[in-house]
Amino acid sequence: MYKKIKPEELSKIKDPFIIDVREPYEFELGSIPGAVNMPVGILLDNCERYLKNNKQYYIYCETSLRSSRACEFLADLGYDVCLLEGGYKGWLTAQKR
């Protein structure tokens, strides 16, 4: 099982490793500062190449559909992953408050 975090909580974490699993064209339209773009298909097919077992990762997409699938898959492999609830849209909404 993976953890979930609300967008407001993300800013309180020191140096989070944030992964945006959207496609590059979506990432270019806007992203969370400091996020790394790794489309879901590439991440899932190459997770052992890109991820370490001793690190926590915060994963998001546009609305949490793709990222929840990624989190479930990665957590089953033993990675420490945390889903950003609401995805990028949720993060944008939280920034306006």
PDB file of N, CA and C in Angstrom:
ATOM      1  N   MET A   1       0.841  -1.193   0.000  1.00  0.00           N
ATOM      2  CA  MET A   1       0.000   0.000   0.000  1.00  0.00           C
ATOM      3  C   MET A   1       0.884   1.256   0.000  1.00  0.00           C
ATOM      4  N   TYR A   2       0.379   2.284  -0.579  1.00  0.00           N
ATOM      5  CA  TYR A   2       1.124   3.535  -0.644  1.00  0.00           C
ATOM      6  C   TYR A   2       0.432   4.605   0.198  1.00  0.00           C
ATOM      7  N   LYS A   3       1.204   5.633   0.505  1.00  0.00           N
ATOM      8  CA  LYS A   3       0.688   6.751   1.297  1.00  0.00           C
ATOM      9  C   LYS A   3       0.087   7.794   0.366  1.00  0.00           C
ATOM     10  N   LYS A   4      -0.696   8.694   0.960  1.00  0.00           N
ATOM     11  CA  LYS A   4      -1.268   9.815   0.220  1.00  0.00           C
ATOM     12  C   LYS A   4      -0.948  11.099   0.971  1.00  0.00           C
ATOM     13  N   ILE A   5      -0.798  12.173   0.209  1.00  0.00           N
ATOM     14  CA  ILE A   5      -0.498  13.465   0.812  1.00  0.00           C
ATOM     15  C   ILE A   5      -1.350  14.524   0.128  1.00  0.00           C
ATOM     16  N   LYS A   6      -1.798  15.473   0.898  1.00  0.00           N
ATOM     17  CA  LYS A   6      -2.569  16.588   0.346  1.00  0.00           C
ATOM     18  C   LYS A   6      -1.594  17.627  -0.216  1.00  0.00           C
ATOM     19  N   PRO A   7      -2.002  18.354  -1.253  1.00  0.00           N
ATOM     20  CA  PRO A   7      -1.111  19.352  -1.851  1.00  0.00           C
ATOM     21  C   PRO A   7      -0.540  20.352  -0.849  1.00  0.00           C
ATOM     22  N   GLU A   8      -1.341  20.751   0.145  1.00  0.00           N
ATOM     23  CA  GLU A   8      -0.877  21.731   1.129  1.00  0.00           C
ATOM     24  C   GLU A   8       0.280  21.191   1.966  1.00  0.00           C
ATOM     25  N   GLU A   9       0.333  19.877   2.138  1.00  0.00           N
ATOM     26  CA  GLU A   9       1.364  19.254   2.964  1.00  0.00           C
ATOM     27  C   GLU A   9       2.706  19.146   2.237  1.00  0.00           C
ATOM     28  N   LEU A  10       2.660  19.120   0.913  1.00  0.00           N
ATOM     29  CA  LEU A  10       3.884  18.937   0.135  1.00  0.00           C
ATOM     30  C   LEU A  10       4.891  20.048   0.385  1.00  0.00           C
ATOM     31  N   SER A  11       4.420  21.269   0.532  1.00  0.00           N
ATOM     32  CA  SER A  11       5.332  22.402   0.733  1.00  0.00           C
ATOM     33  C   SER A  11       6.040  22.353   2.083  1.00  0.00           C
ATOM     34  N   LYS A  12       5.552  21.556   3.010  1.00  0.00           N
ATOM     35  CA  LYS A  12       6.159  21.443   4.334  1.00  0.00           C
ATOM     36  C   LYS A  12       7.279  20.404   4.384  1.00  0.00           C
ATOM     37  N   ILE A  13       7.466  19.670   3.303  1.00  0.00           N
ATOM     38  CA  ILE A  13       8.478  18.611   3.262  1.00  0.00           C
ATOM     39  C   ILE A  13       9.773  19.174   2.708  1.00  0.00           C
ATOM     40  N   LYS A  14      10.852  18.907   3.419  1.00  0.00           N
ATOM     41  CA  LYS A  14      12.157  19.406   3.003  1.00  0.00           C
ATOM     42  C   LYS A  14      12.708  18.539   1.865  1.00  0.00           C
ATOM     43  N   ASP A  15      13.010  19.178   0.748  1.00  0.00           N
ATOM     44  CA  ASP A  15      13.599  18.534  -0.428  1.00  0.00           C
ATOM     45  C   ASP A  15      12.878  17.259  -0.881  1.00  0.00           C
ATOM     46  N   PRO A  16      11.588  17.343  -1.169  1.00  0.00           N
ATOM     47  CA  PRO A  16      10.891  16.138  -1.639  1.00  0.00           C
ATOM     48  C   PRO A  16      11.340  15.774  -3.052  1.00  0.00           C
ATOM     49  N   PHE A  17      11.402  14.497  -3.340  1.00  0.00           N
ATOM     50  CA  PHE A  17      11.698  14.033  -4.699  1.00  0.00           C
ATOM     51  C   PHE A  17      10.345  13.830  -5.373  1.00  0.00           C
ATOM     52  N   ILE A  18       9.991  14.762  -6.252  1.00  0.00           N
ATOM     53  CA  ILE A  18       8.672  14.780  -6.876  1.00  0.00           C
ATOM     54  C   ILE A  18       8.775  14.280  -8.310  1.00  0.00           C
ATOM     55  N   ILE A  19       7.916  13.315  -8.638  1.00  0.00           N
ATOM     56  CA  ILE A  19       7.891  12.758  -9.997  1.00  0.00           C
ATOM     57  C   ILE A  19       6.543  13.057 -10.636  1.00  0.00           C
ATOM     58  N   ASP A  20       6.594  13.693 -11.791  1.00  0.00           N
ATOM     59  CA  ASP A  20       5.411  14.003 -12.594  1.00  0.00           C
ATOM     60  C   ASP A  20       5.319  12.920 -13.664  1.00  0.00           C
ATOM     61  N   VAL A  21       4.269  12.095 -13.619  1.00  0.00           N
ATOM     62  CA  VAL A  21       4.160  10.975 -14.560  1.00  0.00           C
ATOM     63  C   VAL A  21       3.341  11.320 -15.807  1.00  0.00           C
ATOM     64  N   ARG A  22       3.083  12.617 -16.017  1.00  0.00           N
ATOM     65  CA  ARG A  22       2.370  13.023 -17.225  1.00  0.00           C
ATOM     66  C   ARG A  22       3.307  12.978 -18.429  1.00  0.00           C
ATOM     67  N   GLU A  23       2.746  13.146 -19.592  1.00  0.00           N
ATOM     68  CA  GLU A  23       3.533  13.175 -20.821  1.00  0.00           C
ATOM     69  C   GLU A  23       4.314  14.492 -20.902  1.00  0.00           C
ATOM     70  N   PRO A  24       5.434  14.515 -21.638  1.00  0.00           N
ATOM     71  CA  PRO A  24       6.262  15.727 -21.722  1.00  0.00           C
ATOM     72  C   PRO A  24       5.497  16.983 -22.138  1.00  0.00           C
ATOM     73  N   TYR A  25       4.569  16.860 -23.082  1.00  0.00           N
ATOM     74  CA  TYR A  25       3.826  18.052 -23.507  1.00  0.00           C
ATOM     75  C   TYR A  25       2.970  18.613 -22.369  1.00  0.00           C
ATOM     76  N   GLU A  26       2.458  17.744 -21.489  1.00  0.00           N
ATOM     77  CA  GLU A  26       1.688  18.210 -20.335  1.00  0.00           C
ATOM     78  C   GLU A  26       2.608  18.902 -19.327  1.00  0.00           C
ATOM     79  N   PHE A  27       3.767  18.297 -19.113  1.00  0.00           N
ATOM     80  CA  PHE A  27       4.756  18.839 -18.186  1.00  0.00           C
ATOM     81  C   PHE A  27       5.197  20.236 -18.613  1.00  0.00           C
ATOM     82  N   GLU A  28       5.379  20.423 -19.918  1.00  0.00           N
ATOM     83  CA  GLU A  28       5.810  21.719 -20.445  1.00  0.00           C
ATOM     84  C   GLU A  28       4.767  22.813 -20.239  1.00  0.00           C
ATOM     85  N   LEU A  29       3.509  22.430 -20.119  1.00  0.00           N
ATOM     86  CA  LEU A  29       2.439  23.410 -19.909  1.00  0.00           C
ATOM     87  C   LEU A  29       2.411  23.925 -18.480  1.00  0.00           C
ATOM     88  N   GLY A  30       3.079  23.214 -17.590  1.00  0.00           N
ATOM     89  CA  GLY A  30       3.131  23.627 -16.193  1.00  0.00           C
ATOM     90  C   GLY A  30       3.384  22.425 -15.308  1.00  0.00           C
ATOM     91  N   SER A  31       4.140  22.649 -14.238  1.00  0.00           N
ATOM     92  CA  SER A  31       4.472  21.560 -13.325  1.00  0.00           C
ATOM     93  C   SER A  31       4.778  22.122 -11.944  1.00  0.00           C
ATOM     94  N   ILE A  32       4.862  21.241 -10.985  1.00  0.00           N
ATOM     95  CA  ILE A  32       5.246  21.637  -9.635  1.00  0.00           C
ATOM     96  C   ILE A  32       6.745  21.927  -9.650  1.00  0.00           C
ATOM     97  N   PRO A  33       7.170  23.064  -9.110  1.00  0.00           N
ATOM     98  CA  PRO A  33       8.602  23.396  -9.106  1.00  0.00           C
ATOM     99  C   PRO A  33       9.447  22.267  -8.497  1.00  0.00           C
ATOM    100  N   GLY A  34      10.499  21.926  -9.208  1.00  0.00           N
ATOM    101  CA  GLY A  34      11.410  20.889  -8.741  1.00  0.00           C
ATOM    102  C   GLY A  34      11.046  19.482  -9.166  1.00  0.00           C
ATOM    103  N   ALA A  35       9.882  19.323  -9.796  1.00  0.00           N
ATOM    104  CA  ALA A  35       9.451  17.989 -10.220  1.00  0.00           C
ATOM    105  C   ALA A  35      10.273  17.496 -11.402  1.00  0.00           C
ATOM    106  N   VAL A  36      10.430  16.186 -11.455  1.00  0.00           N
ATOM    107  CA  VAL A  36      11.115  15.514 -12.558  1.00  0.00           C
ATOM    108  C   VAL A  36      10.034  14.853 -13.408  1.00  0.00           C
ATOM    109  N   ASN A  37      10.107  15.037 -14.712  1.00  0.00           N
ATOM    110  CA  ASN A  37       9.120  14.423 -15.601  1.00  0.00           C
ATOM    111  C   ASN A  37       9.570  13.026 -16.007  1.00  0.00           C
ATOM    112  N   MET A  38       8.745  12.049 -15.679  1.00  0.00           N
ATOM    113  CA  MET A  38       8.984  10.659 -16.037  1.00  0.00           C
ATOM    114  C   MET A  38       7.634  10.055 -16.412  1.00  0.00           C
ATOM    115  N   PRO A  39       7.259  10.072 -17.691  1.00  0.00           N
ATOM    116  CA  PRO A  39       5.960   9.541 -18.084  1.00  0.00           C
ATOM    117  C   PRO A  39       5.712   8.151 -17.492  1.00  0.00           C
ATOM    118  N   VAL A  40       4.461   7.892 -17.148  1.00  0.00           N
ATOM    119  CA  VAL A  40       4.114   6.686 -16.403  1.00  0.00           C
ATOM    120  C   VAL A  40       4.633   5.408 -17.060  1.00  0.00           C
ATOM    121  N   GLY A  41       4.527   5.296 -18.365  1.00  0.00           N
ATOM    122  CA  GLY A  41       4.994   4.090 -19.049  1.00  0.00           C
ATOM    123  C   GLY A  41       6.492   3.886 -18.908  1.00  0.00           C
ATOM    124  N   ILE A  42       7.243   4.957 -19.042  1.00  0.00           N
ATOM    125  CA  ILE A  42       8.701   4.882 -18.902  1.00  0.00           C
ATOM    126  C   ILE A  42       9.079   4.543 -17.466  1.00  0.00           C
ATOM    127  N   LEU A  43       8.426   5.184 -16.508  1.00  0.00           N
ATOM    128  CA  LEU A  43       8.722   4.924 -15.102  1.00  0.00           C
ATOM    129  C   LEU A  43       8.444   3.472 -14.731  1.00  0.00           C
ATOM    130  N   LEU A  44       7.282   2.971 -15.111  1.00  0.00           N
ATOM    131  CA  LEU A  44       6.917   1.609 -14.730  1.00  0.00           C
ATOM    132  C   LEU A  44       7.782   0.561 -15.417  1.00  0.00           C
ATOM    133  N   ASP A  45       8.177   0.823 -16.652  1.00  0.00           N
ATOM    134  CA  ASP A  45       9.025  -0.131 -17.377  1.00  0.00           C
ATOM    135  C   ASP A  45      10.483  -0.095 -16.923  1.00  0.00           C
ATOM    136  N   ASN A  46      10.911   0.998 -16.278  1.00  0.00           N
ATOM    137  CA  ASN A  46      12.316   1.174 -15.922  1.00  0.00           C
ATOM    138  C   ASN A  46      12.531   1.589 -14.470  1.00  0.00           C
ATOM    139  N   CYS A  47      11.607   1.255 -13.582  1.00  0.00           N
ATOM    140  CA  CYS A  47      11.685   1.754 -12.205  1.00  0.00           C
ATOM    141  C   CYS A  47      12.983   1.358 -11.508  1.00  0.00           C
ATOM    142  N   GLU A  48      13.470   0.162 -11.757  1.00  0.00           N
ATOM    143  CA  GLU A  48      14.709  -0.260 -11.096  1.00  0.00           C
ATOM    144  C   GLU A  48      15.905   0.564 -11.570  1.00  0.00           C
ATOM    145  N   ARG A  49      15.800   1.160 -12.722  1.00  0.00           N
ATOM    146  CA  ARG A  49      16.871   1.999 -13.266  1.00  0.00           C
ATOM    147  C   ARG A  49      16.845   3.408 -12.654  1.00  0.00           C
ATOM    148  N   TYR A  50      15.646   3.925 -12.382  1.00  0.00           N
ATOM    149  CA  TYR A  50      15.495   5.307 -11.938  1.00  0.00           C
ATOM    150  C   TYR A  50      15.274   5.492 -10.437  1.00  0.00           C
ATOM    151  N   LEU A  51      14.743   4.486  -9.767  1.00  0.00           N
ATOM    152  CA  LEU A  51      14.381   4.642  -8.355  1.00  0.00           C
ATOM    153  C   LEU A  51      15.282   3.831  -7.436  1.00  0.00           C
ATOM    154  N   LYS A  52      15.390   4.304  -6.195  1.00  0.00           N
ATOM    155  CA  LYS A  52      16.167   3.602  -5.167  1.00  0.00           C
ATOM    156  C   LYS A  52      15.206   3.152  -4.074  1.00  0.00           C
ATOM    157  N   ASN A  53      15.515   2.047  -3.447  1.00  0.00           N
ATOM    158  CA  ASN A  53      14.637   1.513  -2.405  1.00  0.00           C
ATOM    159  C   ASN A  53      14.695   2.289  -1.098  1.00  0.00           C
ATOM    160  N   ASN A  54      15.699   3.106  -0.893  1.00  0.00           N
ATOM    161  CA  ASN A  54      15.855   3.812   0.381  1.00  0.00           C
ATOM    162  C   ASN A  54      15.438   5.282   0.306  1.00  0.00           C
ATOM    163  N   LYS A  55      14.635   5.638  -0.672  1.00  0.00           N
ATOM    164  CA  LYS A  55      14.213   7.027  -0.868  1.00  0.00           C
ATOM    165  C   LYS A  55      12.703   7.086  -1.009  1.00  0.00           C
ATOM    166  N   GLN A  56      12.111   8.201  -0.555  1.00  0.00           N
ATOM    167  CA  GLN A  56      10.675   8.385  -0.720  1.00  0.00           C
ATOM    168  C   GLN A  56      10.407   9.262  -1.927  1.00  0.00           C
ATOM    169  N   TYR A  57       9.379   8.884  -2.681  1.00  0.00           N
ATOM    170  CA  TYR A  57       9.023   9.600  -3.897  1.00  0.00           C
ATOM    171  C   TYR A  57       7.578  10.096  -3.798  1.00  0.00           C
ATOM    172  N   TYR A  58       7.353  11.331  -4.261  1.00  0.00           N
ATOM    173  CA  TYR A  58       6.026  11.927  -4.297  1.00  0.00           C
ATOM    174  C   TYR A  58       5.618  11.978  -5.760  1.00  0.00           C
ATOM    175  N   ILE A  59       4.525  11.314  -6.075  1.00  0.00           N
ATOM    176  CA  ILE A  59       4.151  11.112  -7.472  1.00  0.00           C
ATOM    177  C   ILE A  59       2.814  11.774  -7.776  1.00  0.00           C
ATOM    178  N   TYR A  60       2.763  12.454  -8.930  1.00  0.00           N
ATOM    179  CA  TYR A  60       1.509  13.069  -9.353  1.00  0.00           C
ATOM    180  C   TYR A  60       1.360  13.033 -10.865  1.00  0.00           C
ATOM    181  N   CYS A  61       0.105  13.216 -11.304  1.00  0.00           N
ATOM    182  CA  CYS A  61      -0.218  13.413 -12.712  1.00  0.00           C
ATOM    183  C   CYS A  61      -1.188  14.590 -12.772  1.00  0.00           C
ATOM    184  N   GLU A  62      -2.076  14.609 -13.707  1.00  0.00           N
ATOM    185  CA  GLU A  62      -3.005  15.737 -13.807  1.00  0.00           C
ATOM    186  C   GLU A  62      -4.064  15.706 -12.704  1.00  0.00           C
ATOM    187  N   THR A  63      -4.676  14.525 -12.497  1.00  0.00           N
ATOM    188  CA  THR A  63      -5.779  14.433 -11.530  1.00  0.00           C
ATOM    189  C   THR A  63      -5.628  13.291 -10.526  1.00  0.00           C
ATOM    190  N   SER A  64      -4.634  12.485 -10.629  1.00  0.00           N
ATOM    191  CA  SER A  64      -4.318  11.339  -9.755  1.00  0.00           C
ATOM    192  C   SER A  64      -4.675   9.987 -10.346  1.00  0.00           C
ATOM    193  N   LEU A  65      -5.195   9.930 -11.545  1.00  0.00           N
ATOM    194  CA  LEU A  65      -5.551   8.653 -12.158  1.00  0.00           C
ATOM    195  C   LEU A  65      -4.295   7.840 -12.518  1.00  0.00           C
ATOM    196  N   ARG A  66      -3.434   8.405 -13.322  1.00  0.00           N
ATOM    197  CA  ARG A  66      -2.199   7.705 -13.705  1.00  0.00           C
ATOM    198  C   ARG A  66      -1.261   7.530 -12.530  1.00  0.00           C
ATOM    199  N   SER A  67      -1.168   8.553 -11.686  1.00  0.00           N
ATOM    200  CA  SER A  67      -0.227   8.475 -10.567  1.00  0.00           C
ATOM    201  C   SER A  67      -0.666   7.449  -9.523  1.00  0.00           C
ATOM    202  N   SER A  68      -1.968   7.256  -9.333  1.00  0.00           N
ATOM    203  CA  SER A  68      -2.407   6.236  -8.376  1.00  0.00           C
ATOM    204  C   SER A  68      -2.069   4.848  -8.901  1.00  0.00           C
ATOM    205  N   ARG A  69      -2.184   4.645 -10.192  1.00  0.00           N
ATOM    206  CA  ARG A  69      -1.785   3.368 -10.800  1.00  0.00           C
ATOM    207  C   ARG A  69      -0.279   3.142 -10.625  1.00  0.00           C
ATOM    208  N   ALA A  70       0.492   4.189 -10.859  1.00  0.00           N
ATOM    209  CA  ALA A  70       1.942   4.094 -10.699  1.00  0.00           C
ATOM    210  C   ALA A  70       2.308   3.801  -9.245  1.00  0.00           C
ATOM    211  N   CYS A  71       1.667   4.491  -8.317  1.00  0.00           N
ATOM    212  CA  CYS A  71       1.958   4.278  -6.894  1.00  0.00           C
ATOM    213  C   CYS A  71       1.647   2.845  -6.475  1.00  0.00           C
ATOM    214  N   GLU A  72       0.524   2.332  -6.931  1.00  0.00           N
ATOM    215  CA  GLU A  72       0.146   0.963  -6.578  1.00  0.00           C
ATOM    216  C   GLU A  72       1.189  -0.033  -7.093  1.00  0.00           C
ATOM    217  N   PHE A  73       1.585   0.122  -8.329  1.00  0.00           N
ATOM    218  CA  PHE A  73       2.573  -0.753  -8.950  1.00  0.00           C
ATOM    219  C   PHE A  73       3.918  -0.675  -8.218  1.00  0.00           C
ATOM    220  N   LEU A  74       4.380   0.548  -7.962  1.00  0.00           N
ATOM    221  CA  LEU A  74       5.685   0.740  -7.323  1.00  0.00           C
ATOM    222  C   LEU A  74       5.688   0.290  -5.864  1.00  0.00           C
ATOM    223  N   ALA A  75       4.606   0.539  -5.162  1.00  0.00           N
ATOM    224  CA  ALA A  75       4.507   0.101  -3.765  1.00  0.00           C
ATOM    225  C   ALA A  75       4.541  -1.423  -3.690  1.00  0.00           C
ATOM    226  N   ASP A  76       3.905  -2.087  -4.636  1.00  0.00           N
ATOM    227  CA  ASP A  76       3.933  -3.556  -4.671  1.00  0.00           C
ATOM    228  C   ASP A  76       5.348  -4.093  -4.873  1.00  0.00           C
ATOM    229  N   LEU A  77       6.203  -3.286  -5.499  1.00  0.00           N
ATOM    230  CA  LEU A  77       7.601  -3.681  -5.701  1.00  0.00           C
ATOM    231  C   LEU A  77       8.487  -3.289  -4.520  1.00  0.00           C
ATOM    232  N   GLY A  78       7.896  -2.611  -3.535  1.00  0.00           N
ATOM    233  CA  GLY A  78       8.645  -2.252  -2.336  1.00  0.00           C
ATOM    234  C   GLY A  78       9.174  -0.834  -2.292  1.00  0.00           C
ATOM    235  N   TYR A  79       8.825  -0.008  -3.263  1.00  0.00           N
ATOM    236  CA  TYR A  79       9.276   1.383  -3.254  1.00  0.00           C
ATOM    237  C   TYR A  79       8.418   2.209  -2.304  1.00  0.00           C
ATOM    238  N   ASP A  80       9.034   3.222  -1.701  1.00  0.00           N
ATOM    239  CA  ASP A  80       8.353   4.122  -0.777  1.00  0.00           C
ATOM    240  C   ASP A  80       7.783   5.276  -1.590  1.00  0.00           C
ATOM    241  N   VAL A  81       6.517   5.173  -1.942  1.00  0.00           N
ATOM    242  CA  VAL A  81       5.881   6.176  -2.784  1.00  0.00           C
ATOM    243  C   VAL A  81       4.696   6.803  -2.073  1.00  0.00           C
ATOM    244  N   CYS A  82       4.445   8.045  -2.439  1.00  0.00           N
ATOM    245  CA  CYS A  82       3.362   8.815  -1.833  1.00  0.00           C
ATOM    246  C   CYS A  82       2.612   9.524  -2.956  1.00  0.00           C
ATOM    247  N   LEU A  83       1.314   9.331  -3.009  1.00  0.00           N
ATOM    248  CA  LEU A  83       0.466   9.937  -4.032  1.00  0.00           C
ATOM    249  C   LEU A  83       0.078  11.355  -3.632  1.00  0.00           C
ATOM    250  N   LEU A  84       0.261  12.290  -4.535  1.00  0.00           N
ATOM    251  CA  LEU A  84      -0.208  13.653  -4.312  1.00  0.00           C
ATOM    252  C   LEU A  84      -1.686  13.683  -4.699  1.00  0.00           C
ATOM    253  N   GLU A  85      -2.551  13.779  -3.698  1.00  0.00           N
ATOM    254  CA  GLU A  85      -3.994  13.746  -3.948  1.00  0.00           C
ATOM    255  C   GLU A  85      -4.428  14.925  -4.811  1.00  0.00           C
ATOM    256  N   GLY A  86      -5.248  14.646  -5.795  1.00  0.00           N
ATOM    257  CA  GLY A  86      -5.744  15.704  -6.680  1.00  0.00           C
ATOM    258  C   GLY A  86      -4.810  16.057  -7.812  1.00  0.00           C
ATOM    259  N   GLY A  87      -3.596  15.504  -7.785  1.00  0.00           N
ATOM    260  CA  GLY A  87      -2.637  15.744  -8.851  1.00  0.00           C
ATOM    261  C   GLY A  87      -2.254  17.207  -9.028  1.00  0.00           C
ATOM    262  N   TYR A  88      -1.843  17.518 -10.241  1.00  0.00           N
ATOM    263  CA  TYR A  88      -1.408  18.884 -10.544  1.00  0.00           C
ATOM    264  C   TYR A  88      -2.553  19.875 -10.371  1.00  0.00           C
ATOM    265  N   LYS A  89      -3.769  19.474 -10.770  1.00  0.00           N
ATOM    266  CA  LYS A  89      -4.927  20.365 -10.610  1.00  0.00           C
ATOM    267  C   LYS A  89      -5.169  20.674  -9.138  1.00  0.00           C
ATOM    268  N   GLY A  90      -5.042  19.672  -8.281  1.00  0.00           N
ATOM    269  CA  GLY A  90      -5.207  19.883  -6.846  1.00  0.00           C
ATOM    270  C   GLY A  90      -4.133  20.796  -6.284  1.00  0.00           C
ATOM    271  N   TRP A  91      -2.912  20.636  -6.776  1.00  0.00           N
ATOM    272  CA  TRP A  91      -1.807  21.483  -6.334  1.00  0.00           C
ATOM    273  C   TRP A  91      -2.059  22.936  -6.740  1.00  0.00           C
ATOM    274  N   LEU A  92      -2.512  23.140  -7.982  1.00  0.00           N
ATOM    275  CA  LEU A  92      -2.812  24.504  -8.457  1.00  0.00           C
ATOM    276  C   LEU A  92      -3.901  25.148  -7.602  1.00  0.00           C
ATOM    277  N   THR A  93      -4.928  24.400  -7.299  1.00  0.00           N
ATOM    278  CA  THR A  93      -6.017  24.915  -6.455  1.00  0.00           C
ATOM    279  C   THR A  93      -5.500  25.305  -5.083  1.00  0.00           C
ATOM    280  N   ALA A  94      -4.642  24.473  -4.505  1.00  0.00           N
ATOM    281  CA  ALA A  94      -4.081  24.757  -3.183  1.00  0.00           C
ATOM    282  C   ALA A  94      -3.210  26.012  -3.200  1.00  0.00           C
ATOM    283  N   GLN A  95      -2.554  26.294  -4.313  1.00  0.00           N
ATOM    284  CA  GLN A  95      -1.700  27.476  -4.421  1.00  0.00           C
ATOM    285  C   GLN A  95      -2.512  28.765  -4.425  1.00  0.00           C
ATOM    286  N   LYS A  96      -3.770  28.676  -4.853  1.00  0.00           N
ATOM    287  CA  LYS A  96      -4.629  29.856  -4.937  1.00  0.00           C
ATOM    288  C   LYS A  96      -5.235  30.225  -3.590  1.00  0.00           C
ATOM    289  N   ARG A  97      -5.162  29.309  -2.630  1.00  0.00           N
ATOM    290  CA  ARG A  97      -5.755  29.584  -1.304  1.00  0.00           C
ATOM    291  C   ARG A  97      -4.883  30.474  -0.484  1.00  0.00           C
TER     292      ARG A  97
END
